[in-house]
Amino acid sequence: MPTDSAPVSPPPSPSPSRERILAARAVHWSRARKLVLVLLGLWLATGFGTVFFARDLAHLSVFGWPLSFYLAAQGASLIYLAIIGAYAWRMRVLDRAYLRMLKESA
């Protein structure tokens, strides 16, 4: 039986640029997760708030409609649209910053 007497070399250590890429990726996803959590919290507060406070706001009216109906039918939809717009805008900013970090590490 042949035996291999060649020494086993250790795996190569990560290059500094790879470490910077991994650090940039970690920063990017940390910021993206924080953004998603904030926007999901706003979404939850909007959905819960329109239902929870509906009875309290029913005696107020806007353009002849009860305020609770107006908030649920119009206000919440506008908030959801604003959440989508804020997510798209902020993620574009975060992605550009990530690309800048990648170019600096190359």
PDB file of N, CA and C in Angstrom:
ATOM      1  N   MET A   1       0.831  -1.184   0.000  1.00  0.00           N
ATOM      2  CA  MET A   1       0.000   0.000   0.000  1.00  0.00           C
ATOM      3  C   MET A   1       0.870   1.238   0.000  1.00  0.00           C
ATOM      4  N   PRO A   2       0.631   2.073  -0.966  1.00  0.00           N
ATOM      5  CA  PRO A   2       1.446   3.293  -1.010  1.00  0.00           C
ATOM      6  C   PRO A   2       0.955   4.291   0.034  1.00  0.00           C
ATOM      7  N   THR A   3       1.842   4.969   0.621  1.00  0.00           N
ATOM      8  CA  THR A   3       1.515   6.026   1.579  1.00  0.00           C
ATOM      9  C   THR A   3       2.010   7.341   1.025  1.00  0.00           C
ATOM     10  N   ASP A   4       1.246   8.339   1.286  1.00  0.00           N
ATOM     11  CA  ASP A   4       1.606   9.677   0.825  1.00  0.00           C
ATOM     12  C   ASP A   4       2.298  10.388   1.965  1.00  0.00           C
ATOM     13  N   SER A   5       3.554  10.679   1.800  1.00  0.00           N
ATOM     14  CA  SER A   5       4.306  11.318   2.869  1.00  0.00           C
ATOM     15  C   SER A   5       4.375  12.830   2.721  1.00  0.00           C
ATOM     16  N   ALA A   6       3.665  13.368   1.729  1.00  0.00           N
ATOM     17  CA  ALA A   6       3.687  14.818   1.525  1.00  0.00           C
ATOM     18  C   ALA A   6       2.918  15.496   2.648  1.00  0.00           C
ATOM     19  N   PRO A   7       3.460  16.566   3.194  1.00  0.00           N
ATOM     20  CA  PRO A   7       2.742  17.253   4.280  1.00  0.00           C
ATOM     21  C   PRO A   7       1.474  17.925   3.752  1.00  0.00           C
ATOM     22  N   VAL A   8       0.497  17.930   4.605  1.00  0.00           N
ATOM     23  CA  VAL A   8      -0.778  18.559   4.259  1.00  0.00           C
ATOM     24  C   VAL A   8      -0.664  20.047   4.573  1.00  0.00           C
ATOM     25  N   SER A   9      -0.907  20.856   3.563  1.00  0.00           N
ATOM     26  CA  SER A   9      -0.787  22.299   3.773  1.00  0.00           C
ATOM     27  C   SER A   9      -2.094  22.838   4.350  1.00  0.00           C
ATOM     28  N   PRO A  10      -2.020  23.824   5.220  1.00  0.00           N
ATOM     29  CA  PRO A  10      -3.246  24.413   5.782  1.00  0.00           C
ATOM     30  C   PRO A  10      -4.006  25.167   4.697  1.00  0.00           C
ATOM     31  N   PRO A  11      -5.303  25.317   4.874  1.00  0.00           N
ATOM     32  CA  PRO A  11      -6.076  26.071   3.879  1.00  0.00           C
ATOM     33  C   PRO A  11      -5.606  27.522   3.827  1.00  0.00           C
ATOM     34  N   PRO A  12      -5.661  28.116   2.661  1.00  0.00           N
ATOM     35  CA  PRO A  12      -5.193  29.506   2.552  1.00  0.00           C
ATOM     36  C   PRO A  12      -6.071  30.442   3.384  1.00  0.00           C
ATOM     37  N   SER A  13      -5.423  31.415   3.980  1.00  0.00           N
ATOM     38  CA  SER A  13      -6.174  32.388   4.775  1.00  0.00           C
ATOM     39  C   SER A  13      -6.900  33.347   3.831  1.00  0.00           C
ATOM     40  N   PRO A  14      -8.058  33.851   4.275  1.00  0.00           N
ATOM     41  CA  PRO A  14      -8.798  34.769   3.390  1.00  0.00           C
ATOM     42  C   PRO A  14      -7.983  36.032   3.124  1.00  0.00           C
ATOM     43  N   SER A  15      -8.084  36.505   1.908  1.00  0.00           N
ATOM     44  CA  SER A  15      -7.351  37.715   1.538  1.00  0.00           C
ATOM     45  C   SER A  15      -8.007  38.928   2.191  1.00  0.00           C
ATOM     46  N   PRO A  16      -7.245  40.003   2.352  1.00  0.00           N
ATOM     47  CA  PRO A  16      -7.827  41.216   2.951  1.00  0.00           C
ATOM     48  C   PRO A  16      -9.011  41.753   2.166  1.00  0.00           C
ATOM     49  N   SER A  17      -8.964  41.650   0.842  1.00  0.00           N
ATOM     50  CA  SER A  17     -10.093  42.168   0.065  1.00  0.00           C
ATOM     51  C   SER A  17     -11.338  41.312   0.292  1.00  0.00           C
ATOM     52  N   ARG A  18     -11.168  40.001   0.447  1.00  0.00           N
ATOM     53  CA  ARG A  18     -12.314  39.128   0.730  1.00  0.00           C
ATOM     54  C   ARG A  18     -12.908  39.461   2.092  1.00  0.00           C
ATOM     55  N   GLU A  19     -12.054  39.731   3.052  1.00  0.00           N
ATOM     56  CA  GLU A  19     -12.551  40.109   4.382  1.00  0.00           C
ATOM     57  C   GLU A  19     -13.337  41.420   4.310  1.00  0.00           C
ATOM     58  N   ARG A  20     -12.861  42.359   3.509  1.00  0.00           N
ATOM     59  CA  ARG A  20     -13.583  43.627   3.354  1.00  0.00           C
ATOM     60  C   ARG A  20     -14.918  43.425   2.651  1.00  0.00           C
ATOM     61  N   ILE A  21     -14.950  42.520   1.667  1.00  0.00           N
ATOM     62  CA  ILE A  21     -16.207  42.216   0.981  1.00  0.00           C
ATOM     63  C   ILE A  21     -17.197  41.602   1.952  1.00  0.00           C
ATOM     64  N   LEU A  22     -16.725  40.682   2.764  1.00  0.00           N
ATOM     65  CA  LEU A  22     -17.624  40.060   3.749  1.00  0.00           C
ATOM     66  C   LEU A  22     -18.100  41.071   4.786  1.00  0.00           C
ATOM     67  N   ALA A  23     -17.208  41.982   5.183  1.00  0.00           N
ATOM     68  CA  ALA A  23     -17.603  43.023   6.135  1.00  0.00           C
ATOM     69  C   ALA A  23     -18.619  43.974   5.501  1.00  0.00           C
ATOM     70  N   ALA A  24     -18.405  44.334   4.243  1.00  0.00           N
ATOM     71  CA  ALA A  24     -19.357  45.217   3.556  1.00  0.00           C
ATOM     72  C   ALA A  24     -20.708  44.539   3.414  1.00  0.00           C
ATOM     73  N   ARG A  25     -20.707  43.243   3.101  1.00  0.00           N
ATOM     74  CA  ARG A  25     -21.958  42.498   2.978  1.00  0.00           C
ATOM     75  C   ARG A  25     -22.690  42.443   4.321  1.00  0.00           C
ATOM     76  N   ALA A  26     -21.946  42.248   5.395  1.00  0.00           N
ATOM     77  CA  ALA A  26     -22.563  42.193   6.725  1.00  0.00           C
ATOM     78  C   ALA A  26     -23.193  43.536   7.089  1.00  0.00           C
ATOM     79  N   VAL A  27     -22.494  44.623   6.780  1.00  0.00           N
ATOM     80  CA  VAL A  27     -23.033  45.955   7.068  1.00  0.00           C
ATOM     81  C   VAL A  27     -24.288  46.214   6.232  1.00  0.00           C
ATOM     82  N   HIS A  28     -24.234  45.849   4.956  1.00  0.00           N
ATOM     83  CA  HIS A  28     -25.380  46.066   4.068  1.00  0.00           C
ATOM     84  C   HIS A  28     -26.611  45.322   4.568  1.00  0.00           C
ATOM     85  N   TRP A  29     -26.456  44.047   4.895  1.00  0.00           N
ATOM     86  CA  TRP A  29     -27.624  43.277   5.319  1.00  0.00           C
ATOM     87  C   TRP A  29     -28.105  43.681   6.703  1.00  0.00           C
ATOM     88  N   SER A  30     -27.214  44.161   7.532  1.00  0.00           N
ATOM     89  CA  SER A  30     -27.640  44.673   8.833  1.00  0.00           C
ATOM     90  C   SER A  30     -28.534  45.897   8.657  1.00  0.00           C
ATOM     91  N   ARG A  31     -28.114  46.798   7.777  1.00  0.00           N
ATOM     92  CA  ARG A  31     -28.921  47.998   7.505  1.00  0.00           C
ATOM     93  C   ARG A  31     -30.240  47.643   6.825  1.00  0.00           C
ATOM     94  N   ALA A  32     -30.204  46.684   5.911  1.00  0.00           N
ATOM     95  CA  ALA A  32     -31.422  46.276   5.201  1.00  0.00           C
ATOM     96  C   ALA A  32     -32.419  45.625   6.162  1.00  0.00           C
ATOM     97  N   ARG A  33     -31.930  44.782   7.055  1.00  0.00           N
ATOM     98  CA  ARG A  33     -32.829  44.156   8.053  1.00  0.00           C
ATOM     99  C   ARG A  33     -33.443  45.197   8.978  1.00  0.00           C
ATOM    100  N   LYS A  34     -32.641  46.176   9.390  1.00  0.00           N
ATOM    101  CA  LYS A  34     -33.162  47.225  10.255  1.00  0.00           C
ATOM    102  C   LYS A  34     -34.268  48.006   9.551  1.00  0.00           C
ATOM    103  N   LEU A  35     -34.059  48.332   8.276  1.00  0.00           N
ATOM    104  CA  LEU A  35     -35.066  49.037   7.485  1.00  0.00           C
ATOM    105  C   LEU A  35     -36.346  48.215   7.394  1.00  0.00           C
ATOM    106  N   VAL A  36     -36.218  46.938   7.092  1.00  0.00           N
ATOM    107  CA  VAL A  36     -37.395  46.074   6.964  1.00  0.00           C
ATOM    108  C   VAL A  36     -38.141  45.995   8.291  1.00  0.00           C
ATOM    109  N   LEU A  37     -37.434  45.864   9.388  1.00  0.00           N
ATOM    110  CA  LEU A  37     -38.100  45.787  10.695  1.00  0.00           C
ATOM    111  C   LEU A  37     -38.850  47.076  11.025  1.00  0.00           C
ATOM    112  N   VAL A  38     -38.262  48.220  10.728  1.00  0.00           N
ATOM    113  CA  VAL A  38     -38.931  49.495  10.990  1.00  0.00           C
ATOM    114  C   VAL A  38     -40.191  49.629  10.139  1.00  0.00           C
ATOM    115  N   LEU A  39     -40.066  49.294   8.848  1.00  0.00           N
ATOM    116  CA  LEU A  39     -41.221  49.420   7.964  1.00  0.00           C
ATOM    117  C   LEU A  39     -42.302  48.397   8.290  1.00  0.00           C
ATOM    118  N   LEU A  40     -41.929  47.193   8.704  1.00  0.00           N
ATOM    119  CA  LEU A  40     -42.932  46.219   9.140  1.00  0.00           C
ATOM    120  C   LEU A  40     -43.634  46.674  10.417  1.00  0.00           C
ATOM    121  N   GLY A  41     -42.889  47.324  11.302  1.00  0.00           N
ATOM    122  CA  GLY A  41     -43.505  47.880  12.500  1.00  0.00           C
ATOM    123  C   GLY A  41     -44.512  48.970  12.160  1.00  0.00           C
ATOM    124  N   LEU A  42     -44.172  49.821  11.206  1.00  0.00           N
ATOM    125  CA  LEU A  42     -45.101  50.854  10.754  1.00  0.00           C
ATOM    126  C   LEU A  42     -46.334  50.234  10.103  1.00  0.00           C
ATOM    127  N   TRP A  43     -46.141  49.203   9.306  1.00  0.00           N
ATOM    128  CA  TRP A  43     -47.249  48.491   8.671  1.00  0.00           C
ATOM    129  C   TRP A  43     -48.168  47.873   9.725  1.00  0.00           C
ATOM    130  N   LEU A  44     -47.566  47.243  10.732  1.00  0.00           N
ATOM    131  CA  LEU A  44     -48.363  46.636  11.802  1.00  0.00           C
ATOM    132  C   LEU A  44     -49.125  47.699  12.587  1.00  0.00           C
ATOM    133  N   ALA A  45     -48.473  48.800  12.909  1.00  0.00           N
ATOM    134  CA  ALA A  45     -49.142  49.866  13.655  1.00  0.00           C
ATOM    135  C   ALA A  45     -50.286  50.471  12.848  1.00  0.00           C
ATOM    136  N   THR A  46     -50.107  50.615  11.549  1.00  0.00           N
ATOM    137  CA  THR A  46     -51.170  51.160  10.704  1.00  0.00           C
ATOM    138  C   THR A  46     -52.350  50.214  10.639  1.00  0.00           C
ATOM    139  N   GLY A  47     -52.079  48.947  10.382  1.00  0.00           N
ATOM    140  CA  GLY A  47     -53.159  47.965  10.297  1.00  0.00           C
ATOM    141  C   GLY A  47     -53.889  47.781  11.611  1.00  0.00           C
ATOM    142  N   PHE A  48     -53.139  47.753  12.701  1.00  0.00           N
ATOM    143  CA  PHE A  48     -53.751  47.583  14.019  1.00  0.00           C
ATOM    144  C   PHE A  48     -54.460  48.853  14.470  1.00  0.00           C
ATOM    145  N   GLY A  49     -53.844  49.995  14.219  1.00  0.00           N
ATOM    146  CA  GLY A  49     -54.412  51.263  14.692  1.00  0.00           C
ATOM    147  C   GLY A  49     -55.738  51.607  14.050  1.00  0.00           C
ATOM    148  N   THR A  50     -55.892  51.322  12.757  1.00  0.00           N
ATOM    149  CA  THR A  50     -57.159  51.642  12.093  1.00  0.00           C
ATOM    150  C   THR A  50     -58.300  50.803  12.639  1.00  0.00           C
ATOM    151  N   VAL A  51     -58.023  49.580  13.034  1.00  0.00           N
ATOM    152  CA  VAL A  51     -59.070  48.718  13.587  1.00  0.00           C
ATOM    153  C   VAL A  51     -59.294  49.018  15.064  1.00  0.00           C
ATOM    154  N   PHE A  52     -58.237  49.205  15.837  1.00  0.00           N
ATOM    155  CA  PHE A  52     -58.348  49.388  17.278  1.00  0.00           C
ATOM    156  C   PHE A  52     -59.057  50.694  17.640  1.00  0.00           C
ATOM    157  N   PHE A  53     -58.785  51.749  16.898  1.00  0.00           N
ATOM    158  CA  PHE A  53     -59.360  53.044  17.212  1.00  0.00           C
ATOM    159  C   PHE A  53     -60.592  53.381  16.377  1.00  0.00           C
ATOM    160  N   ALA A  54     -61.150  52.411  15.673  1.00  0.00           N
ATOM    161  CA  ALA A  54     -62.287  52.676  14.782  1.00  0.00           C
ATOM    162  C   ALA A  54     -63.498  53.194  15.548  1.00  0.00           C
ATOM    163  N   ARG A  55     -63.833  52.607  16.660  1.00  0.00           N
ATOM    164  CA  ARG A  55     -65.010  53.049  17.426  1.00  0.00           C
ATOM    165  C   ARG A  55     -64.815  54.447  18.011  1.00  0.00           C
ATOM    166  N   ASP A  56     -63.611  54.726  18.465  1.00  0.00           N
ATOM    167  CA  ASP A  56     -63.339  56.038  19.048  1.00  0.00           C
ATOM    168  C   ASP A  56     -63.410  57.151  18.003  1.00  0.00           C
ATOM    169  N   LEU A  57     -63.092  56.829  16.758  1.00  0.00           N
ATOM    170  CA  LEU A  57     -63.047  57.838  15.704  1.00  0.00           C
ATOM    171  C   LEU A  57     -64.318  57.881  14.858  1.00  0.00           C
ATOM    172  N   ALA A  58     -65.299  57.039  15.168  1.00  0.00           N
ATOM    173  CA  ALA A  58     -66.503  56.943  14.338  1.00  0.00           C
ATOM    174  C   ALA A  58     -67.355  58.214  14.413  1.00  0.00           C
ATOM    175  N   HIS A  59     -67.309  58.940  15.535  1.00  0.00           N
ATOM    176  CA  HIS A  59     -68.158  60.138  15.654  1.00  0.00           C
ATOM    177  C   HIS A  59     -67.598  61.342  14.892  1.00  0.00           C
ATOM    178  N   LEU A  60     -66.338  61.301  14.491  1.00  0.00           N
ATOM    179  CA  LEU A  60     -65.741  62.362  13.679  1.00  0.00           C
ATOM    180  C   LEU A  60     -65.973  62.050  12.209  1.00  0.00           C
ATOM    181  N   SER A  61     -66.133  63.092  11.405  1.00  0.00           N
ATOM    182  CA  SER A  61     -66.367  62.834   9.987  1.00  0.00           C
ATOM    183  C   SER A  61     -65.447  63.687   9.116  1.00  0.00           C
ATOM    184  N   VAL A  62     -65.118  63.136   7.951  1.00  0.00           N
ATOM    185  CA  VAL A  62     -64.302  63.802   6.947  1.00  0.00           C
ATOM    186  C   VAL A  62     -65.043  63.689   5.627  1.00  0.00           C
ATOM    187  N   PHE A  63     -65.435  64.809   5.065  1.00  0.00           N
ATOM    188  CA  PHE A  63     -66.185  64.840   3.806  1.00  0.00           C
ATOM    189  C   PHE A  63     -67.455  63.995   3.878  1.00  0.00           C
ATOM    190  N   GLY A  64     -68.085  63.972   5.042  1.00  0.00           N
ATOM    191  CA  GLY A  64     -69.325  63.230   5.217  1.00  0.00           C
ATOM    192  C   GLY A  64     -69.164  61.759   5.565  1.00  0.00           C
ATOM    193  N   TRP A  65     -67.962  61.264   5.602  1.00  0.00           N
ATOM    194  CA  TRP A  65     -67.721  59.877   5.957  1.00  0.00           C
ATOM    195  C   TRP A  65     -67.135  59.806   7.373  1.00  0.00           C
ATOM    196  N   PRO A  66     -67.451  58.753   8.121  1.00  0.00           N
ATOM    197  CA  PRO A  66     -66.829  58.606   9.449  1.00  0.00           C
ATOM    198  C   PRO A  66     -65.306  58.528   9.313  1.00  0.00           C
ATOM    199  N   LEU A  67     -64.605  59.140  10.243  1.00  0.00           N
ATOM    200  CA  LEU A  67     -63.144  59.176  10.177  1.00  0.00           C
ATOM    201  C   LEU A  67     -62.547  57.775  10.196  1.00  0.00           C
ATOM    202  N   SER A  68     -63.159  56.867  10.942  1.00  0.00           N
ATOM    203  CA  SER A  68     -62.634  55.498  10.988  1.00  0.00           C
ATOM    204  C   SER A  68     -62.700  54.846   9.608  1.00  0.00           C
ATOM    205  N   PHE A  69     -63.783  55.049   8.889  1.00  0.00           N
ATOM    206  CA  PHE A  69     -63.888  54.501   7.533  1.00  0.00           C
ATOM    207  C   PHE A  69     -62.858  55.142   6.615  1.00  0.00           C
ATOM    208  N   TYR A  70     -62.706  56.460   6.728  1.00  0.00           N
ATOM    209  CA  TYR A  70     -61.762  57.181   5.879  1.00  0.00           C
ATOM    210  C   TYR A  70     -60.334  56.698   6.128  1.00  0.00           C
ATOM    211  N   LEU A  71     -59.976  56.509   7.413  1.00  0.00           N
ATOM    212  CA  LEU A  71     -58.629  56.047   7.724  1.00  0.00           C
ATOM    213  C   LEU A  71     -58.387  54.643   7.190  1.00  0.00           C
ATOM    214  N   ALA A  72     -59.379  53.767   7.330  1.00  0.00           N
ATOM    215  CA  ALA A  72     -59.197  52.394   6.868  1.00  0.00           C
ATOM    216  C   ALA A  72     -59.189  52.317   5.347  1.00  0.00           C
ATOM    217  N   ALA A  73     -60.078  53.059   4.692  1.00  0.00           N
ATOM    218  CA  ALA A  73     -60.199  52.945   3.249  1.00  0.00           C
ATOM    219  C   ALA A  73     -59.155  53.758   2.498  1.00  0.00           C
ATOM    220  N   GLN A  74     -58.816  54.928   2.978  1.00  0.00           N
ATOM    221  CA  GLN A  74     -57.909  55.812   2.254  1.00  0.00           C
ATOM    222  C   GLN A  74     -56.563  55.972   2.943  1.00  0.00           C
ATOM    223  N   GLY A  75     -56.603  56.281   4.227  1.00  0.00           N
ATOM    224  CA  GLY A  75     -55.369  56.586   4.943  1.00  0.00           C
ATOM    225  C   GLY A  75     -54.413  55.418   5.020  1.00  0.00           C
ATOM    226  N   ALA A  76     -54.941  54.231   5.357  1.00  0.00           N
ATOM    227  CA  ALA A  76     -54.064  53.065   5.472  1.00  0.00           C
ATOM    228  C   ALA A  76     -53.469  52.713   4.117  1.00  0.00           C
ATOM    229  N   SER A  77     -54.260  52.818   3.068  1.00  0.00           N
ATOM    230  CA  SER A  77     -53.743  52.516   1.731  1.00  0.00           C
ATOM    231  C   SER A  77     -52.635  53.482   1.344  1.00  0.00           C
ATOM    232  N   LEU A  78     -52.782  54.742   1.690  1.00  0.00           N
ATOM    233  CA  LEU A  78     -51.734  55.714   1.391  1.00  0.00           C
ATOM    234  C   LEU A  78     -50.468  55.450   2.208  1.00  0.00           C
ATOM    235  N   ILE A  79     -50.653  55.039   3.460  1.00  0.00           N
ATOM    236  CA  ILE A  79     -49.499  54.690   4.296  1.00  0.00           C
ATOM    237  C   ILE A  79     -48.773  53.488   3.713  1.00  0.00           C
ATOM    238  N   TYR A  80     -49.524  52.470   3.276  1.00  0.00           N
ATOM    239  CA  TYR A  80     -48.899  51.292   2.675  1.00  0.00           C
ATOM    240  C   TYR A  80     -48.126  51.671   1.410  1.00  0.00           C
ATOM    241  N   LEU A  81     -48.683  52.552   0.623  1.00  0.00           N
ATOM    242  CA  LEU A  81     -48.000  53.014  -0.584  1.00  0.00           C
ATOM    243  C   LEU A  81     -46.728  53.781  -0.219  1.00  0.00           C
ATOM    244  N   ALA A  82     -46.804  54.575   0.833  1.00  0.00           N
ATOM    245  CA  ALA A  82     -45.622  55.303   1.302  1.00  0.00           C
ATOM    246  C   ALA A  82     -44.554  54.342   1.825  1.00  0.00           C
ATOM    247  N   ILE A  83     -44.970  53.264   2.478  1.00  0.00           N
ATOM    248  CA  ILE A  83     -44.016  52.268   2.969  1.00  0.00           C
ATOM    249  C   ILE A  83     -43.273  51.630   1.796  1.00  0.00           C
ATOM    250  N   ILE A  84     -44.005  51.291   0.744  1.00  0.00           N
ATOM    251  CA  ILE A  84     -43.376  50.694  -0.435  1.00  0.00           C
ATOM    252  C   ILE A  84     -42.400  51.677  -1.071  1.00  0.00           C
ATOM    253  N   GLY A  85     -42.801  52.931  -1.202  1.00  0.00           N
ATOM    254  CA  GLY A  85     -41.921  53.940  -1.774  1.00  0.00           C
ATOM    255  C   GLY A  85     -40.677  54.167  -0.929  1.00  0.00           C
ATOM    256  N   ALA A  86     -40.839  54.218   0.383  1.00  0.00           N
ATOM    257  CA  ALA A  86     -39.695  54.422   1.278  1.00  0.00           C
ATOM    258  C   ALA A  86     -38.733  53.241   1.198  1.00  0.00           C
ATOM    259  N   TYR A  87     -39.280  52.035   1.120  1.00  0.00           N
ATOM    260  CA  TYR A  87     -38.427  50.852   1.000  1.00  0.00           C
ATOM    261  C   TYR A  87     -37.619  50.898  -0.295  1.00  0.00           C
ATOM    262  N   ALA A  88     -38.274  51.188  -1.402  1.00  0.00           N
ATOM    263  CA  ALA A  88     -37.584  51.223  -2.693  1.00  0.00           C
ATOM    264  C   ALA A  88     -36.502  52.303  -2.709  1.00  0.00           C
ATOM    265  N   TRP A  89     -36.826  53.485  -2.196  1.00  0.00           N
ATOM    266  CA  TRP A  89     -35.853  54.582  -2.179  1.00  0.00           C
ATOM    267  C   TRP A  89     -34.657  54.251  -1.287  1.00  0.00           C
ATOM    268  N   ARG A  90     -34.939  53.781  -0.063  1.00  0.00           N
ATOM    269  CA  ARG A  90     -33.858  53.524   0.886  1.00  0.00           C
ATOM    270  C   ARG A  90     -32.986  52.348   0.449  1.00  0.00           C
ATOM    271  N   MET A  91     -33.602  51.307  -0.131  1.00  0.00           N
ATOM    272  CA  MET A  91     -32.804  50.177  -0.589  1.00  0.00           C
ATOM    273  C   MET A  91     -31.909  50.583  -1.757  1.00  0.00           C
ATOM    274  N   ARG A  92     -32.356  51.503  -2.602  1.00  0.00           N
ATOM    275  CA  ARG A  92     -31.506  51.996  -3.674  1.00  0.00           C
ATOM    276  C   ARG A  92     -30.291  52.703  -3.074  1.00  0.00           C
ATOM    277  N   VAL A  93     -30.515  53.502  -2.049  1.00  0.00           N
ATOM    278  CA  VAL A  93     -29.408  54.194  -1.389  1.00  0.00           C
ATOM    279  C   VAL A  93     -28.453  53.180  -0.747  1.00  0.00           C
ATOM    280  N   LEU A  94     -28.998  52.179  -0.059  1.00  0.00           N
ATOM    281  CA  LEU A  94     -28.165  51.170   0.592  1.00  0.00           C
ATOM    282  C   LEU A  94     -27.391  50.331  -0.429  1.00  0.00           C
ATOM    283  N   ASP A  95     -28.030  49.991  -1.537  1.00  0.00           N
ATOM    284  CA  ASP A  95     -27.341  49.206  -2.559  1.00  0.00           C
ATOM    285  C   ASP A  95     -26.201  49.993  -3.201  1.00  0.00           C
ATOM    286  N   ARG A  96     -26.415  51.270  -3.420  1.00  0.00           N
ATOM    287  CA  ARG A  96     -25.339  52.104  -3.976  1.00  0.00           C
ATOM    288  C   ARG A  96     -24.177  52.221  -3.000  1.00  0.00           C
ATOM    289  N   ALA A  97     -24.488  52.354  -1.716  1.00  0.00           N
ATOM    290  CA  ALA A  97     -23.423  52.417  -0.711  1.00  0.00           C
ATOM    291  C   ALA A  97     -22.661  51.086  -0.659  1.00  0.00           C
ATOM    292  N   TYR A  98     -23.377  49.990  -0.797  1.00  0.00           N
ATOM    293  CA  TYR A  98     -22.743  48.668  -0.814  1.00  0.00           C
ATOM    294  C   TYR A  98     -21.808  48.538  -2.018  1.00  0.00           C
ATOM    295  N   LEU A  99     -22.256  48.970  -3.174  1.00  0.00           N
ATOM    296  CA  LEU A  99     -21.406  48.914  -4.368  1.00  0.00           C
ATOM    297  C   LEU A  99     -20.172  49.795  -4.201  1.00  0.00           C
ATOM    298  N   ARG A 100     -20.336  50.945  -3.558  1.00  0.00           N
ATOM    299  CA  ARG A 100     -19.182  51.816  -3.289  1.00  0.00           C
ATOM    300  C   ARG A 100     -18.189  51.112  -2.378  1.00  0.00           C
ATOM    301  N   MET A 101     -18.699  50.420  -1.338  1.00  0.00           N
ATOM    302  CA  MET A 101     -17.816  49.696  -0.431  1.00  0.00           C
ATOM    303  C   MET A 101     -17.091  48.577  -1.160  1.00  0.00           C
ATOM    304  N   LEU A 102     -17.762  47.902  -2.101  1.00  0.00           N
ATOM    305  CA  LEU A 102     -17.126  46.844  -2.863  1.00  0.00           C
ATOM    306  C   LEU A 102     -16.039  47.394  -3.767  1.00  0.00           C
ATOM    307  N   LYS A 103     -16.282  48.538  -4.391  1.00  0.00           N
ATOM    308  CA  LYS A 103     -15.261  49.134  -5.259  1.00  0.00           C
ATOM    309  C   LYS A 103     -14.055  49.579  -4.465  1.00  0.00           C
ATOM    310  N   GLU A 104     -14.260  50.062  -3.229  1.00  0.00           N
ATOM    311  CA  GLU A 104     -13.151  50.489  -2.388  1.00  0.00           C
ATOM    312  C   GLU A 104     -12.297  49.293  -1.946  1.00  0.00           C
ATOM    313  N   SER A 105     -12.931  48.128  -1.797  1.00  0.00           N
ATOM    314  CA  SER A 105     -12.195  46.965  -1.322  1.00  0.00           C
ATOM    315  C   SER A 105     -11.457  46.249  -2.455  1.00  0.00           C
ATOM    316  N   ALA A 106     -11.781  46.581  -3.696  1.00  0.00           N
ATOM    317  CA  ALA A 106     -11.126  45.893  -4.830  1.00  0.00           C
ATOM    318  C   ALA A 106      -9.759  46.459  -5.115  1.00  0.00           C
TER     319      ALA A 106
END
